[in-house]
Amino acid sequence: MNPALVRSLVTILEHKDISTAAHTWRVVLYTRALAEQFTHDHDFLRRLTFAAALHDVGKIEIPDIVLLKPGPLTDDEFAVIRQHPVLGWERLRRFEEADPLVLNLVRHHHERWDGGGYPDRLAGDDIPVAARYFAVVDAFDAMTSLRPYRSEVGEDAAEKAVGELVKGSGSRYHPDAVAEFVSLYRKGQLGWILEYFNDRCPMPDYDTLGNPPTSMAKA
């Protein structure tokens, strides 16, 4: 994956939806923290980092009137939003991206463990491993961050999000992925991400995506 291309695509998306900047950094760091429980292979972690950063690249093609709508989406609008995994996958294919780790995470991060997700309604072990773990990361951040339809989050948002993940374990989410992520949260290994990479803080330069600032975890 070309780092310059990753930076360009993420920057385009950030300009379209400013809340994406902090979201991108958080999901990258959550994903790295989760993956490092299983491997420290630098090349794999680098590829996974770029995949996480690009997961929403398909939203570049979603009309602003839908993507930035401050209220609830209609069924038709939600159908448009649901196109973004395939749109992102297609965009990366046009750029001749061939890494299955990147392509599969971008396309399948909204699949559900029970087969009720999108775009391909994959279920269980048919969902690529990185995508099934990333689904937990993405959901947690969605429940603990500012969005066009939500201008404030409470201090207990993280606890409520963890509760929702546990509730969805085995249906919406891969049970092992939930267990690993919740374990990290309970050990206090994710709080620094929420603190230093919140929606109101300036974000680091995207040139550092391949080597995220994990040293803050020890601050």
N, C-alpha and C. Protein backbone atom coordinates (compact mmCIF):
# COMPACT_ATOMS: atom_id res chain seq x y z
N MET A 1 0.85 -1.19 0.00
CA MET A 1 0.00 0.00 0.00
C MET A 1 0.88 1.23 0.00
N ASN A 2 0.62 2.12 -0.92
CA ASN A 2 1.39 3.34 -1.05
C ASN A 2 0.99 4.33 0.05
N PRO A 3 1.90 4.67 0.98
CA PRO A 3 1.55 5.59 2.08
C PRO A 3 1.04 6.95 1.58
N ALA A 4 1.58 7.43 0.47
CA ALA A 4 1.14 8.72 -0.06
C ALA A 4 -0.31 8.64 -0.53
N LEU A 5 -0.69 7.51 -1.10
CA LEU A 5 -2.07 7.32 -1.54
C LEU A 5 -3.00 7.24 -0.33
N VAL A 6 -2.58 6.53 0.69
CA VAL A 6 -3.39 6.45 1.91
C VAL A 6 -3.63 7.85 2.46
N ARG A 7 -2.57 8.62 2.57
CA ARG A 7 -2.69 9.97 3.12
C ARG A 7 -3.62 10.82 2.27
N SER A 8 -3.49 10.72 0.94
CA SER A 8 -4.32 11.51 0.04
C SER A 8 -5.80 11.16 0.20
N LEU A 9 -6.11 9.88 0.22
CA LEU A 9 -7.50 9.45 0.32
C LEU A 9 -8.12 9.82 1.66
N VAL A 10 -7.36 9.62 2.74
CA VAL A 10 -7.88 9.96 4.07
C VAL A 10 -8.08 11.47 4.20
N THR A 11 -7.18 12.25 3.62
CA THR A 11 -7.31 13.71 3.67
C THR A 11 -8.53 14.18 2.90
N ILE A 12 -8.80 13.58 1.74
CA ILE A 12 -10.00 13.91 0.97
C ILE A 12 -11.25 13.64 1.80
N LEU A 13 -11.28 12.49 2.45
CA LEU A 13 -12.44 12.13 3.27
C LEU A 13 -12.58 13.06 4.46
N GLU A 14 -11.45 13.44 5.06
CA GLU A 14 -11.49 14.36 6.20
C GLU A 14 -12.08 15.71 5.79
N HIS A 15 -11.70 16.20 4.62
CA HIS A 15 -12.23 17.48 4.14
C HIS A 15 -13.73 17.39 3.88
N LYS A 16 -14.19 16.21 3.53
CA LYS A 16 -15.62 16.02 3.28
C LYS A 16 -16.39 15.93 4.59
N ASP A 17 -15.80 15.28 5.59
CA ASP A 17 -16.45 15.11 6.89
C ASP A 17 -15.39 15.26 7.98
N ILE A 18 -15.33 16.41 8.63
CA ILE A 18 -14.25 16.75 9.55
C ILE A 18 -14.18 15.78 10.73
N SER A 19 -15.30 15.17 11.13
CA SER A 19 -15.27 14.24 12.25
C SER A 19 -14.47 12.98 11.93
N THR A 20 -14.19 12.78 10.64
CA THR A 20 -13.45 11.59 10.23
C THR A 20 -12.01 11.59 10.73
N ALA A 21 -11.41 12.78 10.91
CA ALA A 21 -10.00 12.85 11.30
C ALA A 21 -9.74 12.13 12.61
N ALA A 22 -10.45 12.51 13.66
CA ALA A 22 -10.26 11.87 14.96
C ALA A 22 -10.71 10.41 14.92
N HIS A 23 -11.79 10.14 14.20
CA HIS A 23 -12.28 8.76 14.08
C HIS A 23 -11.22 7.86 13.47
N THR A 24 -10.57 8.35 12.41
CA THR A 24 -9.54 7.54 11.74
C THR A 24 -8.42 7.20 12.69
N TRP A 25 -7.92 8.21 13.42
CA TRP A 25 -6.82 7.95 14.35
C TRP A 25 -7.23 6.98 15.44
N ARG A 26 -8.42 7.14 15.97
CA ARG A 26 -8.84 6.25 17.07
C ARG A 26 -8.97 4.80 16.59
N VAL A 27 -9.63 4.59 15.45
CA VAL A 27 -9.80 3.21 15.02
C VAL A 27 -8.46 2.58 14.63
N VAL A 28 -7.54 3.38 14.10
CA VAL A 28 -6.20 2.86 13.81
C VAL A 28 -5.54 2.40 15.11
N LEU A 29 -5.59 3.22 16.14
CA LEU A 29 -4.91 2.89 17.39
C LEU A 29 -5.60 1.75 18.14
N TYR A 30 -6.93 1.74 18.14
CA TYR A 30 -7.64 0.61 18.75
C TYR A 30 -7.29 -0.69 18.02
N THR A 31 -7.25 -0.62 16.69
CA THR A 31 -6.95 -1.80 15.89
C THR A 31 -5.54 -2.31 16.16
N ARG A 32 -4.58 -1.38 16.23
CA ARG A 32 -3.20 -1.77 16.54
C ARG A 32 -3.12 -2.42 17.93
N ALA A 33 -3.77 -1.80 18.90
CA ALA A 33 -3.73 -2.34 20.26
C ALA A 33 -4.31 -3.75 20.30
N LEU A 34 -5.39 -3.97 19.57
CA LEU A 34 -6.02 -5.29 19.54
C LEU A 34 -5.14 -6.30 18.81
N ALA A 35 -4.60 -5.89 17.66
CA ALA A 35 -3.78 -6.81 16.86
C ALA A 35 -2.51 -7.21 17.59
N GLU A 36 -1.96 -6.28 18.37
CA GLU A 36 -0.70 -6.57 19.08
C GLU A 36 -0.87 -7.59 20.20
N GLN A 37 -2.11 -7.95 20.50
CA GLN A 37 -2.32 -9.05 21.44
C GLN A 37 -2.02 -10.40 20.78
N PHE A 38 -1.94 -10.40 19.44
CA PHE A 38 -1.75 -11.65 18.69
C PHE A 38 -0.43 -11.70 17.93
N THR A 39 0.07 -10.54 17.51
CA THR A 39 1.29 -10.53 16.70
C THR A 39 2.02 -9.21 16.84
N HIS A 40 3.34 -9.27 16.62
CA HIS A 40 4.15 -8.06 16.56
C HIS A 40 4.86 -7.97 15.22
N ASP A 41 4.34 -8.70 14.24
CA ASP A 41 4.92 -8.66 12.89
C ASP A 41 4.73 -7.27 12.29
N HIS A 42 5.84 -6.57 12.05
CA HIS A 42 5.76 -5.17 11.64
C HIS A 42 5.03 -5.00 10.32
N ASP A 43 5.32 -5.86 9.36
CA ASP A 43 4.69 -5.71 8.04
C ASP A 43 3.19 -5.91 8.14
N PHE A 44 2.75 -6.92 8.89
CA PHE A 44 1.32 -7.15 9.05
C PHE A 44 0.65 -5.97 9.72
N LEU A 45 1.25 -5.46 10.80
CA LEU A 45 0.66 -4.33 11.51
C LEU A 45 0.59 -3.08 10.64
N ARG A 46 1.59 -2.90 9.81
CA ARG A 46 1.59 -1.74 8.90
C ARG A 46 0.45 -1.86 7.89
N ARG A 47 0.29 -3.03 7.32
CA ARG A 47 -0.80 -3.24 6.35
C ARG A 47 -2.16 -3.07 7.03
N LEU A 48 -2.28 -3.60 8.23
CA LEU A 48 -3.54 -3.50 8.97
C LEU A 48 -3.83 -2.04 9.32
N THR A 49 -2.80 -1.29 9.66
CA THR A 49 -2.97 0.13 9.96
C THR A 49 -3.55 0.88 8.77
N PHE A 50 -2.99 0.63 7.59
CA PHE A 50 -3.50 1.30 6.39
C PHE A 50 -4.93 0.85 6.08
N ALA A 51 -5.22 -0.43 6.29
CA ALA A 51 -6.58 -0.91 6.05
C ALA A 51 -7.57 -0.21 6.97
N ALA A 52 -7.22 -0.09 8.25
CA ALA A 52 -8.10 0.59 9.20
C ALA A 52 -8.29 2.06 8.82
N ALA A 53 -7.21 2.71 8.39
CA ALA A 53 -7.30 4.12 8.02
C ALA A 53 -8.21 4.33 6.82
N LEU A 54 -8.29 3.33 5.94
CA LEU A 54 -9.06 3.46 4.70
C LEU A 54 -10.44 2.83 4.78
N HIS A 55 -10.86 2.37 5.94
CA HIS A 55 -12.09 1.59 6.00
C HIS A 55 -13.31 2.34 5.47
N ASP A 56 -13.35 3.65 5.66
CA ASP A 56 -14.51 4.45 5.23
C ASP A 56 -14.25 5.24 3.95
N VAL A 57 -13.23 4.85 3.18
CA VAL A 57 -12.87 5.64 2.00
C VAL A 57 -14.03 5.71 0.98
N GLY A 58 -14.91 4.75 1.01
CA GLY A 58 -16.06 4.78 0.10
C GLY A 58 -17.01 5.93 0.38
N LYS A 59 -16.94 6.52 1.57
CA LYS A 59 -17.82 7.65 1.89
C LYS A 59 -17.47 8.90 1.09
N ILE A 60 -16.32 8.91 0.45
CA ILE A 60 -15.97 10.02 -0.43
C ILE A 60 -17.06 10.21 -1.48
N GLU A 61 -17.68 9.13 -1.90
CA GLU A 61 -18.67 9.17 -2.97
C GLU A 61 -20.10 9.29 -2.47
N ILE A 62 -20.29 9.35 -1.17
CA ILE A 62 -21.64 9.50 -0.61
C ILE A 62 -22.01 10.98 -0.61
N PRO A 63 -23.17 11.35 -1.13
CA PRO A 63 -23.58 12.77 -1.16
C PRO A 63 -23.57 13.39 0.24
N ASP A 64 -23.11 14.64 0.32
CA ASP A 64 -23.03 15.33 1.62
C ASP A 64 -24.39 15.40 2.31
N ILE A 65 -25.45 15.56 1.52
CA ILE A 65 -26.77 15.71 2.11
C ILE A 65 -27.18 14.47 2.90
N VAL A 66 -26.58 13.34 2.57
CA VAL A 66 -26.83 12.09 3.31
C VAL A 66 -25.77 11.89 4.38
N LEU A 67 -24.50 12.01 3.99
CA LEU A 67 -23.40 11.73 4.91
C LEU A 67 -23.40 12.66 6.12
N LEU A 68 -23.74 13.93 5.91
CA LEU A 68 -23.66 14.92 6.97
C LEU A 68 -25.02 15.28 7.57
N LYS A 69 -26.02 14.52 7.27
CA LYS A 69 -27.36 14.82 7.77
C LYS A 69 -27.38 14.78 9.29
N PRO A 70 -27.85 15.84 9.95
CA PRO A 70 -27.82 15.90 11.42
C PRO A 70 -28.90 15.07 12.10
N GLY A 71 -29.90 14.65 11.36
CA GLY A 71 -30.99 13.88 11.96
C GLY A 71 -30.99 12.44 11.48
N PRO A 72 -32.01 11.68 11.88
CA PRO A 72 -32.11 10.27 11.48
C PRO A 72 -32.21 10.13 9.96
N LEU A 73 -31.63 9.07 9.45
CA LEU A 73 -31.69 8.79 8.02
C LEU A 73 -32.99 8.08 7.67
N THR A 74 -33.51 8.37 6.48
CA THR A 74 -34.64 7.60 5.97
C THR A 74 -34.12 6.25 5.49
N ASP A 75 -35.03 5.34 5.19
CA ASP A 75 -34.61 4.03 4.67
C ASP A 75 -33.81 4.18 3.38
N ASP A 76 -34.25 5.09 2.52
CA ASP A 76 -33.54 5.30 1.26
C ASP A 76 -32.16 5.87 1.50
N GLU A 77 -32.03 6.80 2.44
CA GLU A 77 -30.73 7.39 2.75
C GLU A 77 -29.79 6.36 3.37
N PHE A 78 -30.35 5.51 4.22
CA PHE A 78 -29.51 4.48 4.82
C PHE A 78 -29.02 3.49 3.77
N ALA A 79 -29.86 3.24 2.76
CA ALA A 79 -29.45 2.36 1.67
C ALA A 79 -28.27 2.96 0.92
N VAL A 80 -28.25 4.29 0.80
CA VAL A 80 -27.12 4.97 0.15
C VAL A 80 -25.86 4.81 1.01
N ILE A 81 -25.98 5.04 2.31
CA ILE A 81 -24.83 4.90 3.22
C ILE A 81 -24.26 3.48 3.15
N ARG A 82 -25.13 2.52 3.05
CA ARG A 82 -24.70 1.11 3.04
C ARG A 82 -23.88 0.76 1.79
N GLN A 83 -23.84 1.64 0.83
CA GLN A 83 -23.04 1.39 -0.37
C GLN A 83 -21.55 1.65 -0.15
N HIS A 84 -21.17 2.33 0.96
CA HIS A 84 -19.80 2.81 1.07
C HIS A 84 -18.74 1.70 1.16
N PRO A 85 -19.01 0.53 1.74
CA PRO A 85 -17.96 -0.49 1.72
C PRO A 85 -17.60 -0.95 0.31
N VAL A 86 -18.60 -1.15 -0.52
CA VAL A 86 -18.33 -1.58 -1.90
C VAL A 86 -17.71 -0.44 -2.70
N LEU A 87 -18.19 0.79 -2.49
CA LEU A 87 -17.60 1.93 -3.19
C LEU A 87 -16.13 2.09 -2.83
N GLY A 88 -15.80 1.90 -1.56
CA GLY A 88 -14.40 1.98 -1.15
C GLY A 88 -13.56 0.88 -1.76
N TRP A 89 -14.09 -0.34 -1.73
CA TRP A 89 -13.41 -1.49 -2.33
C TRP A 89 -13.16 -1.25 -3.83
N GLU A 90 -14.17 -0.74 -4.52
CA GLU A 90 -14.03 -0.47 -5.95
C GLU A 90 -13.01 0.62 -6.23
N ARG A 91 -12.99 1.65 -5.39
CA ARG A 91 -12.02 2.73 -5.57
C ARG A 91 -10.59 2.20 -5.42
N LEU A 92 -10.37 1.39 -4.40
CA LEU A 92 -9.03 0.83 -4.19
C LEU A 92 -8.64 -0.10 -5.32
N ARG A 93 -9.59 -0.85 -5.87
CA ARG A 93 -9.29 -1.70 -7.01
C ARG A 93 -8.91 -0.87 -8.23
N ARG A 94 -9.56 0.29 -8.39
CA ARG A 94 -9.20 1.18 -9.51
C ARG A 94 -7.77 1.69 -9.36
N PHE A 95 -7.33 1.83 -8.10
CA PHE A 95 -5.95 2.23 -7.85
C PHE A 95 -5.00 1.03 -7.86
N GLU A 96 -5.53 -0.11 -8.28
CA GLU A 96 -4.75 -1.35 -8.42
C GLU A 96 -4.22 -1.87 -7.09
N GLU A 97 -4.96 -1.60 -6.03
CA GLU A 97 -4.62 -2.18 -4.74
C GLU A 97 -4.94 -3.68 -4.79
N ALA A 98 -4.01 -4.50 -4.36
CA ALA A 98 -4.18 -5.95 -4.46
C ALA A 98 -4.06 -6.67 -3.12
N ASP A 99 -3.77 -5.95 -2.05
CA ASP A 99 -3.58 -6.59 -0.75
C ASP A 99 -4.93 -7.06 -0.21
N PRO A 100 -5.13 -8.37 -0.08
CA PRO A 100 -6.43 -8.86 0.40
C PRO A 100 -6.78 -8.38 1.81
N LEU A 101 -5.78 -8.14 2.64
CA LEU A 101 -6.05 -7.63 3.99
C LEU A 101 -6.76 -6.29 3.92
N VAL A 102 -6.24 -5.39 3.09
CA VAL A 102 -6.83 -4.06 2.93
C VAL A 102 -8.20 -4.15 2.27
N LEU A 103 -8.27 -4.87 1.16
CA LEU A 103 -9.52 -4.95 0.40
C LEU A 103 -10.63 -5.60 1.21
N ASN A 104 -10.31 -6.66 1.93
CA ASN A 104 -11.33 -7.37 2.69
C ASN A 104 -11.83 -6.56 3.87
N LEU A 105 -10.95 -5.84 4.55
CA LEU A 105 -11.40 -5.04 5.68
C LEU A 105 -12.30 -3.90 5.20
N VAL A 106 -11.91 -3.25 4.12
CA VAL A 106 -12.71 -2.15 3.59
C VAL A 106 -14.10 -2.64 3.16
N ARG A 107 -14.15 -3.79 2.50
CA ARG A 107 -15.43 -4.28 1.98
C ARG A 107 -16.31 -4.90 3.07
N HIS A 108 -15.72 -5.54 4.06
CA HIS A 108 -16.51 -6.39 4.95
C HIS A 108 -16.61 -5.92 6.39
N HIS A 109 -16.23 -4.66 6.69
CA HIS A 109 -16.23 -4.26 8.09
C HIS A 109 -17.63 -4.02 8.66
N HIS A 110 -18.66 -4.09 7.81
CA HIS A 110 -20.04 -3.98 8.33
C HIS A 110 -20.80 -5.30 8.23
N GLU A 111 -20.09 -6.40 8.00
CA GLU A 111 -20.75 -7.70 8.08
C GLU A 111 -21.03 -8.02 9.56
N ARG A 112 -22.04 -8.84 9.78
CA ARG A 112 -22.39 -9.27 11.15
C ARG A 112 -22.09 -10.75 11.32
N TRP A 113 -21.75 -11.14 12.54
CA TRP A 113 -21.42 -12.53 12.82
C TRP A 113 -22.59 -13.46 12.47
N ASP A 114 -23.85 -12.96 12.61
CA ASP A 114 -25.02 -13.80 12.33
C ASP A 114 -25.48 -13.72 10.88
N GLY A 115 -24.73 -13.00 10.05
CA GLY A 115 -25.08 -12.91 8.63
C GLY A 115 -26.02 -11.78 8.28
N GLY A 116 -26.36 -10.94 9.23
CA GLY A 116 -27.31 -9.87 8.98
C GLY A 116 -26.70 -8.55 8.56
N GLY A 117 -25.40 -8.53 8.27
CA GLY A 117 -24.74 -7.29 7.91
C GLY A 117 -24.73 -7.03 6.41
N TYR A 118 -23.83 -6.17 5.97
CA TYR A 118 -23.74 -5.83 4.56
C TYR A 118 -22.27 -5.58 4.19
N PRO A 119 -21.90 -5.67 2.93
CA PRO A 119 -22.77 -5.75 1.75
C PRO A 119 -23.09 -7.17 1.28
N ASP A 120 -22.37 -8.17 1.75
CA ASP A 120 -22.49 -9.51 1.18
C ASP A 120 -23.15 -10.52 2.11
N ARG A 121 -23.61 -10.06 3.26
CA ARG A 121 -24.31 -10.91 4.23
C ARG A 121 -23.48 -12.15 4.59
N LEU A 122 -22.19 -11.96 4.73
CA LEU A 122 -21.32 -13.05 5.18
C LEU A 122 -21.61 -13.32 6.65
N ALA A 123 -21.34 -14.55 7.07
CA ALA A 123 -21.60 -14.92 8.46
C ALA A 123 -20.45 -15.75 9.01
N GLY A 124 -20.24 -15.65 10.33
CA GLY A 124 -19.28 -16.50 11.01
C GLY A 124 -17.90 -16.47 10.39
N ASP A 125 -17.34 -17.66 10.21
CA ASP A 125 -15.96 -17.77 9.74
C ASP A 125 -15.79 -17.35 8.28
N ASP A 126 -16.89 -17.11 7.57
CA ASP A 126 -16.77 -16.60 6.20
C ASP A 126 -16.34 -15.13 6.18
N ILE A 127 -16.51 -14.44 7.29
CA ILE A 127 -16.07 -13.04 7.38
C ILE A 127 -14.56 -13.04 7.57
N PRO A 128 -13.81 -12.29 6.75
CA PRO A 128 -12.36 -12.24 6.92
C PRO A 128 -11.99 -11.83 8.35
N VAL A 129 -10.93 -12.43 8.88
CA VAL A 129 -10.58 -12.25 10.29
C VAL A 129 -10.41 -10.79 10.66
N ALA A 130 -9.63 -10.04 9.88
CA ALA A 130 -9.40 -8.63 10.22
C ALA A 130 -10.70 -7.85 10.25
N ALA A 131 -11.61 -8.14 9.32
CA ALA A 131 -12.88 -7.42 9.26
C ALA A 131 -13.75 -7.72 10.47
N ARG A 132 -13.74 -8.98 10.93
CA ARG A 132 -14.61 -9.32 12.07
C ARG A 132 -14.11 -8.69 13.36
N TYR A 133 -12.81 -8.53 13.50
CA TYR A 133 -12.27 -7.84 14.67
C TYR A 133 -12.46 -6.33 14.55
N PHE A 134 -12.25 -5.81 13.34
CA PHE A 134 -12.39 -4.37 13.16
C PHE A 134 -13.83 -3.91 13.38
N ALA A 135 -14.80 -4.77 13.10
CA ALA A 135 -16.20 -4.40 13.31
C ALA A 135 -16.45 -4.00 14.75
N VAL A 136 -15.79 -4.64 15.69
CA VAL A 136 -15.93 -4.31 17.10
C VAL A 136 -15.31 -2.95 17.39
N VAL A 137 -14.13 -2.72 16.85
CA VAL A 137 -13.43 -1.43 17.01
C VAL A 137 -14.29 -0.29 16.47
N ASP A 138 -14.79 -0.45 15.25
CA ASP A 138 -15.56 0.60 14.59
C ASP A 138 -16.84 0.90 15.36
N ALA A 139 -17.49 -0.14 15.84
CA ALA A 139 -18.73 0.05 16.59
C ALA A 139 -18.47 0.78 17.90
N PHE A 140 -17.41 0.39 18.61
CA PHE A 140 -17.08 1.07 19.87
C PHE A 140 -16.84 2.55 19.63
N ASP A 141 -16.08 2.88 18.59
CA ASP A 141 -15.81 4.29 18.35
C ASP A 141 -17.06 5.04 17.93
N ALA A 142 -17.92 4.40 17.15
CA ALA A 142 -19.17 5.05 16.75
C ALA A 142 -20.03 5.40 17.96
N MET A 143 -19.97 4.56 18.98
CA MET A 143 -20.80 4.79 20.17
C MET A 143 -20.16 5.74 21.17
N THR A 144 -18.91 6.12 20.96
CA THR A 144 -18.22 6.96 21.95
C THR A 144 -17.68 8.25 21.36
N SER A 145 -18.17 8.65 20.18
CA SER A 145 -17.63 9.83 19.51
C SER A 145 -18.74 10.72 18.97
N LEU A 146 -18.35 11.95 18.64
CA LEU A 146 -19.29 12.89 18.05
C LEU A 146 -19.59 12.49 16.61
N ARG A 147 -20.81 12.71 16.20
CA ARG A 147 -21.25 12.40 14.84
C ARG A 147 -22.15 13.54 14.36
N PRO A 148 -22.42 13.63 13.05
CA PRO A 148 -23.33 14.68 12.58
C PRO A 148 -24.67 14.66 13.30
N TYR A 149 -25.11 13.50 13.74
CA TYR A 149 -26.40 13.36 14.42
C TYR A 149 -26.28 13.39 15.95
N ARG A 150 -25.04 13.57 16.47
CA ARG A 150 -24.85 13.56 17.93
C ARG A 150 -23.75 14.55 18.29
N SER A 151 -24.11 15.63 18.98
CA SER A 151 -23.15 16.69 19.27
C SER A 151 -22.46 16.53 20.62
N GLU A 152 -22.94 15.62 21.46
CA GLU A 152 -22.34 15.40 22.76
C GLU A 152 -22.35 13.91 23.10
N VAL A 153 -21.35 13.48 23.84
CA VAL A 153 -21.36 12.12 24.39
C VAL A 153 -21.12 12.22 25.89
N GLY A 154 -21.79 11.38 26.65
CA GLY A 154 -21.66 11.43 28.09
C GLY A 154 -20.38 10.79 28.59
N GLU A 155 -20.06 11.06 29.86
CA GLU A 155 -18.84 10.49 30.45
C GLU A 155 -18.92 8.97 30.55
N ASP A 156 -20.13 8.44 30.56
CA ASP A 156 -20.29 6.99 30.67
C ASP A 156 -20.45 6.32 29.31
N ALA A 157 -20.14 7.05 28.23
CA ALA A 157 -20.34 6.50 26.89
C ALA A 157 -19.54 5.22 26.66
N ALA A 158 -18.30 5.19 27.14
CA ALA A 158 -17.45 4.02 26.92
C ALA A 158 -18.03 2.79 27.63
N GLU A 159 -18.49 2.99 28.88
CA GLU A 159 -19.07 1.87 29.60
C GLU A 159 -20.33 1.36 28.91
N LYS A 160 -21.15 2.29 28.43
CA LYS A 160 -22.37 1.88 27.72
C LYS A 160 -22.01 1.15 26.43
N ALA A 161 -20.97 1.63 25.74
CA ALA A 161 -20.55 1.00 24.49
C ALA A 161 -20.07 -0.43 24.74
N VAL A 162 -19.28 -0.60 25.80
CA VAL A 162 -18.81 -1.94 26.15
C VAL A 162 -20.01 -2.86 26.44
N GLY A 163 -21.00 -2.33 27.12
CA GLY A 163 -22.20 -3.12 27.40
C GLY A 163 -22.91 -3.54 26.12
N GLU A 164 -22.96 -2.62 25.14
CA GLU A 164 -23.60 -2.95 23.86
C GLU A 164 -22.80 -3.99 23.09
N LEU A 165 -21.47 -3.91 23.17
CA LEU A 165 -20.64 -4.92 22.50
C LEU A 165 -20.90 -6.30 23.09
N VAL A 166 -20.93 -6.36 24.42
CA VAL A 166 -21.18 -7.64 25.09
C VAL A 166 -22.56 -8.17 24.72
N LYS A 167 -23.53 -7.27 24.67
CA LYS A 167 -24.89 -7.68 24.33
C LYS A 167 -24.95 -8.25 22.90
N GLY A 168 -24.13 -7.69 22.01
CA GLY A 168 -24.15 -8.14 20.62
C GLY A 168 -23.19 -9.27 20.32
N SER A 169 -22.45 -9.74 21.32
CA SER A 169 -21.50 -10.82 21.12
C SER A 169 -22.22 -12.10 20.70
N GLY A 170 -21.77 -12.69 19.60
CA GLY A 170 -22.39 -13.91 19.11
C GLY A 170 -23.50 -13.69 18.13
N SER A 171 -24.00 -12.47 18.03
CA SER A 171 -25.03 -12.14 17.04
C SER A 171 -24.48 -11.10 16.07
N ARG A 172 -24.29 -9.90 16.54
CA ARG A 172 -23.72 -8.85 15.70
C ARG A 172 -22.20 -9.00 15.57
N TYR A 173 -21.54 -9.39 16.65
CA TYR A 173 -20.07 -9.38 16.68
C TYR A 173 -19.49 -10.76 16.96
N HIS A 174 -18.26 -10.95 16.47
CA HIS A 174 -17.50 -12.17 16.74
C HIS A 174 -17.20 -12.24 18.24
N PRO A 175 -17.59 -13.32 18.93
CA PRO A 175 -17.41 -13.38 20.39
C PRO A 175 -15.97 -13.18 20.84
N ASP A 176 -15.02 -13.79 20.15
CA ASP A 176 -13.62 -13.65 20.56
C ASP A 176 -13.15 -12.21 20.42
N ALA A 177 -13.61 -11.54 19.36
CA ALA A 177 -13.22 -10.14 19.14
C ALA A 177 -13.74 -9.25 20.27
N VAL A 178 -14.98 -9.47 20.66
CA VAL A 178 -15.56 -8.71 21.77
C VAL A 178 -14.78 -8.97 23.05
N ALA A 179 -14.51 -10.23 23.33
CA ALA A 179 -13.83 -10.59 24.57
C ALA A 179 -12.45 -9.95 24.64
N GLU A 180 -11.70 -9.97 23.55
CA GLU A 180 -10.36 -9.39 23.53
C GLU A 180 -10.42 -7.88 23.70
N PHE A 181 -11.35 -7.23 22.99
CA PHE A 181 -11.44 -5.77 23.06
C PHE A 181 -11.88 -5.32 24.46
N VAL A 182 -12.88 -5.99 25.01
CA VAL A 182 -13.37 -5.63 26.35
C VAL A 182 -12.27 -5.86 27.38
N SER A 183 -11.49 -6.91 27.22
CA SER A 183 -10.38 -7.17 28.13
C SER A 183 -9.37 -6.02 28.10
N LEU A 184 -9.04 -5.55 26.91
CA LEU A 184 -8.12 -4.41 26.81
C LEU A 184 -8.69 -3.18 27.50
N TYR A 185 -9.98 -2.95 27.28
CA TYR A 185 -10.63 -1.79 27.90
C TYR A 185 -10.60 -1.90 29.43
N ARG A 186 -10.94 -3.06 29.95
CA ARG A 186 -10.99 -3.25 31.39
C ARG A 186 -9.60 -3.13 32.03
N LYS A 187 -8.57 -3.45 31.28
CA LYS A 187 -7.20 -3.33 31.78
C LYS A 187 -6.69 -1.89 31.72
N GLY A 188 -7.50 -0.97 31.17
CA GLY A 188 -7.10 0.43 31.08
C GLY A 188 -6.15 0.72 29.94
N GLN A 189 -6.08 -0.16 28.94
CA GLN A 189 -5.13 0.01 27.86
C GLN A 189 -5.67 0.80 26.67
N LEU A 190 -6.91 1.26 26.77
CA LEU A 190 -7.50 2.03 25.67
C LEU A 190 -7.87 3.45 26.07
N GLY A 191 -7.85 3.74 27.36
CA GLY A 191 -8.29 5.05 27.83
C GLY A 191 -7.47 6.19 27.26
N TRP A 192 -6.18 5.98 27.05
CA TRP A 192 -5.32 7.04 26.53
C TRP A 192 -5.75 7.46 25.13
N ILE A 193 -6.31 6.53 24.36
CA ILE A 193 -6.77 6.86 23.01
C ILE A 193 -7.97 7.79 23.10
N LEU A 194 -8.90 7.47 23.98
CA LEU A 194 -10.07 8.33 24.18
C LEU A 194 -9.66 9.72 24.66
N GLU A 195 -8.63 9.76 25.51
CA GLU A 195 -8.20 11.04 26.09
C GLU A 195 -7.43 11.92 25.12
N TYR A 196 -6.45 11.34 24.42
CA TYR A 196 -5.57 12.14 23.58
C TYR A 196 -6.07 12.33 22.16
N PHE A 197 -7.02 11.50 21.73
CA PHE A 197 -7.49 11.56 20.35
C PHE A 197 -8.99 11.80 20.31
N ASN A 198 -9.46 12.71 21.17
CA ASN A 198 -10.88 13.01 21.18
C ASN A 198 -11.22 13.96 20.04
N ASP A 199 -12.53 14.17 19.83
CA ASP A 199 -12.98 14.91 18.65
C ASP A 199 -12.57 16.37 18.65
N ARG A 200 -12.14 16.91 19.78
CA ARG A 200 -11.82 18.34 19.84
C ARG A 200 -10.31 18.61 19.88
N CYS A 201 -9.50 17.57 19.79
CA CYS A 201 -8.04 17.74 19.83
C CYS A 201 -7.47 17.75 18.41
N PRO A 202 -6.40 18.52 18.17
CA PRO A 202 -5.74 18.47 16.86
C PRO A 202 -5.10 17.10 16.66
N MET A 203 -5.17 16.61 15.41
CA MET A 203 -4.67 15.28 15.11
C MET A 203 -3.24 15.34 14.57
N PRO A 204 -2.45 14.28 14.78
CA PRO A 204 -1.11 14.22 14.19
C PRO A 204 -1.19 14.18 12.67
N ASP A 205 -0.06 14.37 12.02
CA ASP A 205 0.00 14.33 10.57
C ASP A 205 -0.17 12.89 10.10
N TYR A 206 -0.87 12.71 8.98
CA TYR A 206 -1.12 11.37 8.48
C TYR A 206 0.15 10.66 8.00
N ASP A 207 1.25 11.41 7.82
CA ASP A 207 2.50 10.77 7.43
C ASP A 207 2.97 9.77 8.48
N THR A 208 2.47 9.90 9.72
CA THR A 208 2.89 8.99 10.80
C THR A 208 1.98 7.78 10.93
N LEU A 209 1.03 7.61 10.01
CA LEU A 209 0.08 6.51 10.13
C LEU A 209 0.77 5.15 10.20
N GLY A 210 1.86 4.98 9.44
CA GLY A 210 2.53 3.69 9.44
C GLY A 210 3.22 3.38 10.75
N ASN A 211 3.38 4.39 11.59
CA ASN A 211 4.05 4.20 12.88
C ASN A 211 3.34 5.04 13.93
N PRO A 212 2.12 4.63 14.33
CA PRO A 212 1.30 5.43 15.24
C PRO A 212 1.99 5.71 16.56
N PRO A 213 1.61 6.82 17.23
CA PRO A 213 2.26 7.25 18.47
C PRO A 213 1.84 6.46 19.69
N THR A 214 2.26 5.22 19.79
CA THR A 214 1.82 4.36 20.90
C THR A 214 2.48 4.74 22.22
N SER A 215 3.52 5.57 22.21
CA SER A 215 4.21 5.91 23.45
C SER A 215 3.33 6.64 24.44
N MET A 216 2.25 7.25 23.96
CA MET A 216 1.36 7.96 24.87
C MET A 216 0.70 7.00 25.85
N ALA A 217 0.63 5.74 25.50
CA ALA A 217 -0.02 4.77 26.36
C ALA A 217 0.69 4.66 27.70
N LYS A 218 1.95 5.06 27.75
CA LYS A 218 2.69 4.94 28.98
C LYS A 218 2.78 6.27 29.75
N ALA A 219 2.12 7.27 29.22
CA ALA A 219 2.19 8.60 29.84
C ALA A 219 1.45 8.60 31.18
